[in-house]
Amino acid sequence: MNIPNVLTLLRLFMIPLYIAVFCLEQDTHFWSAMIFLLASGTDVLDGYLARKLNMITRWGQLMDPLADKCMQLTVIITLFVSGLVPAWFIVLLVAKEVLMIVLGAFLYKHKTYVKANKAGKLNTVFLFLVMTLLLLVPDLHIAVKHVLLGLSALWMILAGTLYLYMYFVQDRRFEKYTSRKKGESV
């Protein structure tokens, strides 16, 4: 177990802490937002340390994005339950994340590391900023909230499309695992 992996574990342990604090807070979710920002900071730090100190592990490659997705989904679900995020947004986010997790696990099984693309990183940063804003200013004007969620949804779709193109069309990785030899049965 190295420092980046410990930070990933810490982020996983922050999820139930976030939920407990979110449920205890009333009007604004300041402390929930602080936990979320701290978790986001550990994500940046563990990636930096893993690359800088050459501490990249297969466990970290699998668990780091899983911890990120779990935290992200936890925050968005609590925002949905509180009525701060509409159903269409959570459905889109959950569908995208489940697809990314399933496809990432498929490639991981075949010993292919899936790197995040720039659009995906920008999508994550923007989504995290929107979620933090909604935590800190839950009574944000409805029009502003919908514009921010709409932009975030567009980023999600763009990032997901680029991810699929990059890994399954451009690099032809998917074809390598799904093509069968002549005469091979299903």
Protein backbone atom coordinates (compact mmCIF):
# COMPACT_ATOMS: atom_id res chain seq x y z
CA MET A 1 0.00 0.00 0.00
CA ASN A 2 1.50 3.33 -1.08
CA ILE A 3 0.56 6.97 -0.41
CA PRO A 4 -1.63 7.41 -3.54
CA ASN A 5 -3.55 4.22 -2.68
CA VAL A 6 -4.04 5.40 0.92
CA LEU A 7 -5.48 8.67 -0.44
CA THR A 8 -7.86 6.67 -2.63
CA LEU A 9 -8.99 4.65 0.41
CA LEU A 10 -9.41 7.87 2.37
CA ARG A 11 -11.68 9.17 -0.40
CA LEU A 12 -13.80 6.02 -0.16
CA PHE A 13 -14.12 6.51 3.62
CA MET A 14 -15.21 10.12 3.04
CA ILE A 15 -18.38 8.92 1.28
CA PRO A 16 -20.28 7.83 4.42
CA LEU A 17 -18.91 10.88 6.25
CA TYR A 18 -20.27 13.11 3.47
CA ILE A 19 -23.70 11.42 3.67
CA ALA A 20 -23.88 11.80 7.46
CA VAL A 21 -22.88 15.48 7.37
CA PHE A 22 -25.23 16.20 4.46
CA CYS A 23 -28.16 14.69 6.38
CA LEU A 24 -27.34 16.75 9.49
CA GLU A 25 -27.09 20.10 7.69
CA GLN A 26 -30.22 22.15 7.16
CA ASP A 27 -30.30 25.15 4.80
CA THR A 28 -26.85 25.17 3.29
CA HIS A 29 -24.50 22.25 2.95
CA PHE A 30 -21.25 24.04 3.70
CA TRP A 31 -19.54 21.19 5.55
CA SER A 32 -20.73 18.67 2.98
CA ALA A 33 -19.18 20.86 0.28
CA MET A 34 -15.92 21.01 2.27
CA ILE A 35 -15.80 17.20 2.51
CA PHE A 36 -16.52 16.98 -1.21
CA LEU A 37 -13.76 19.49 -1.99
CA LEU A 38 -11.33 17.63 0.28
CA ALA A 39 -12.18 14.38 -1.49
CA SER A 40 -11.62 16.10 -4.84
CA GLY A 41 -8.27 17.37 -3.58
CA THR A 42 -7.18 13.85 -2.60
CA ASP A 43 -8.08 12.75 -6.12
CA VAL A 44 -5.78 15.35 -7.66
CA LEU A 45 -3.04 14.65 -5.12
CA ASP A 46 -3.08 10.86 -5.45
CA GLY A 47 -2.84 11.07 -9.24
CA TYR A 48 -0.01 13.56 -9.05
CA LEU A 49 1.94 11.52 -6.50
CA ALA A 50 1.39 8.25 -8.35
CA ARG A 51 2.83 9.72 -11.54
CA LYS A 52 5.55 11.84 -9.95
CA LEU A 53 6.84 9.13 -7.59
CA ASN A 54 6.22 6.27 -10.04
CA MET A 55 3.77 4.61 -7.65
CA ILE A 56 1.17 3.59 -10.22
CA THR A 57 -0.41 0.25 -9.32
CA ARG A 58 -3.06 -1.84 -10.99
CA TRP A 59 -5.12 -1.55 -7.79
CA GLY A 60 -4.87 2.23 -7.96
CA GLN A 61 -5.76 2.27 -11.65
CA LEU A 62 -8.99 0.44 -10.83
CA MET A 63 -9.87 1.93 -7.44
CA ASP A 64 -9.03 5.60 -8.08
CA PRO A 65 -11.68 6.12 -10.77
CA LEU A 66 -14.10 3.91 -8.83
CA ALA A 67 -13.65 6.07 -5.71
CA ASP A 68 -14.17 9.19 -7.84
CA LYS A 69 -17.35 7.82 -9.39
CA CYS A 70 -18.71 6.67 -6.04
CA MET A 71 -18.14 10.10 -4.49
CA GLN A 72 -19.56 11.87 -7.53
CA LEU A 73 -22.68 9.68 -7.58
CA THR A 74 -23.13 10.05 -3.83
CA VAL A 75 -23.09 13.84 -4.08
CA ILE A 76 -25.41 13.96 -7.06
CA ILE A 77 -27.86 11.50 -5.47
CA THR A 78 -28.00 13.54 -2.25
CA LEU A 79 -28.62 16.65 -4.35
CA PHE A 80 -31.40 14.81 -6.20
CA VAL A 81 -33.02 13.54 -3.00
CA SER A 82 -32.96 17.10 -1.66
CA GLY A 83 -34.69 18.36 -4.80
CA LEU A 84 -31.68 20.36 -5.96
CA VAL A 85 -31.09 18.37 -9.15
CA PRO A 86 -33.81 17.18 -11.58
CA ALA A 87 -34.35 13.50 -12.40
CA TRP A 88 -33.23 13.82 -16.04
CA PHE A 89 -29.78 14.93 -14.91
CA ILE A 90 -29.25 12.09 -12.49
CA VAL A 91 -30.46 9.54 -15.05
CA LEU A 92 -27.98 10.89 -17.62
CA LEU A 93 -25.12 10.94 -15.12
CA VAL A 94 -25.81 7.46 -13.74
CA ALA A 95 -26.17 6.01 -17.26
CA LYS A 96 -22.88 7.57 -18.36
CA GLU A 97 -21.02 6.48 -15.24
CA VAL A 98 -22.34 2.92 -15.34
CA LEU A 99 -21.35 2.68 -19.00
CA MET A 100 -17.87 4.03 -18.23
CA ILE A 101 -17.43 1.64 -15.29
CA VAL A 102 -18.55 -1.40 -17.29
CA LEU A 103 -16.40 -0.54 -20.31
CA GLY A 104 -13.45 0.37 -18.08
CA ALA A 105 -13.74 -2.98 -16.27
CA PHE A 106 -13.93 -4.76 -19.64
CA LEU A 107 -10.71 -3.13 -20.81
CA TYR A 108 -9.08 -3.63 -17.39
CA LYS A 109 -9.87 -7.35 -17.61
CA HIS A 110 -7.94 -7.40 -20.88
CA LYS A 111 -5.03 -5.53 -19.24
CA THR A 112 -5.70 -2.30 -21.11
CA TYR A 113 -5.33 0.85 -19.05
CA VAL A 114 -7.94 3.49 -19.81
CA LYS A 115 -6.59 7.03 -19.58
CA ALA A 116 -8.93 9.93 -19.03
CA ASN A 117 -9.17 12.27 -21.98
CA LYS A 118 -9.07 16.07 -21.69
CA ALA A 119 -12.79 16.40 -22.37
CA GLY A 120 -13.47 13.94 -19.56
CA LYS A 121 -11.27 15.87 -17.15
CA LEU A 122 -12.93 19.17 -18.09
CA ASN A 123 -16.33 17.52 -17.69
CA THR A 124 -15.37 16.33 -14.22
CA VAL A 125 -14.03 19.73 -13.15
CA PHE A 126 -17.14 21.52 -14.43
CA LEU A 127 -19.49 18.97 -12.83
CA PHE A 128 -17.63 19.23 -9.52
CA LEU A 129 -17.88 23.03 -9.63
CA VAL A 130 -21.62 22.84 -10.34
CA MET A 131 -22.17 20.31 -7.53
CA THR A 132 -20.15 22.43 -5.10
CA LEU A 133 -22.13 25.53 -6.07
CA LEU A 134 -25.42 23.68 -5.54
CA LEU A 135 -24.23 22.51 -2.12
CA LEU A 136 -23.18 26.01 -1.09
CA VAL A 137 -26.08 27.90 -2.70
CA PRO A 138 -29.05 25.52 -2.71
CA ASP A 139 -31.51 28.35 -3.47
CA LEU A 140 -29.69 29.26 -6.69
CA HIS A 141 -32.07 30.77 -9.25
CA ILE A 142 -33.79 27.99 -11.18
CA ALA A 143 -32.77 29.37 -14.60
CA VAL A 144 -29.11 29.55 -13.59
CA LYS A 145 -29.29 26.04 -12.16
CA HIS A 146 -30.79 24.65 -15.39
CA VAL A 147 -28.21 26.42 -17.57
CA LEU A 148 -25.37 25.00 -15.45
CA LEU A 149 -26.88 21.50 -15.45
CA GLY A 150 -27.52 21.73 -19.21
CA LEU A 151 -23.90 22.72 -19.87
CA SER A 152 -22.74 19.92 -17.61
CA ALA A 153 -24.96 17.46 -19.49
CA LEU A 154 -23.49 18.59 -22.82
CA TRP A 155 -19.96 18.12 -21.44
CA MET A 156 -20.95 14.62 -20.24
CA ILE A 157 -22.24 13.65 -23.65
CA LEU A 158 -19.21 15.10 -25.41
CA ALA A 159 -16.74 13.43 -23.03
CA GLY A 160 -18.55 10.09 -23.26
CA THR A 161 -18.68 10.24 -27.05
CA LEU A 162 -14.99 11.12 -27.31
CA TYR A 163 -14.14 8.31 -24.89
CA LEU A 164 -16.07 5.77 -26.96
CA TYR A 165 -14.56 7.04 -30.20
CA MET A 166 -11.02 7.10 -28.85
CA TYR A 167 -11.06 3.60 -27.38
CA PHE A 168 -13.42 1.68 -29.62
CA VAL A 169 -13.12 3.26 -33.05
CA GLN A 170 -9.85 5.13 -33.36
CA ASP A 171 -7.68 2.57 -31.51
CA ARG A 172 -9.79 -0.43 -32.54
CA ARG A 173 -9.27 -1.95 -29.09
CA PHE A 174 -12.84 -3.17 -28.79
CA GLU A 175 -12.61 -4.97 -32.12
CA LYS A 176 -9.59 -6.91 -30.86
CA TYR A 177 -11.64 -8.40 -28.00
CA THR A 178 -14.92 -9.01 -29.79
CA SER A 179 -13.86 -10.35 -33.17
CA ARG A 180 -14.14 -14.11 -33.66
CA LYS A 181 -12.17 -16.33 -35.93
CA LYS A 182 -13.88 -17.80 -38.96
CA GLY A 183 -16.12 -20.69 -37.97
CA GLU A 184 -15.97 -19.92 -34.23
CA SER A 185 -19.34 -20.26 -32.54
CA VAL A 186 -20.95 -17.81 -30.13
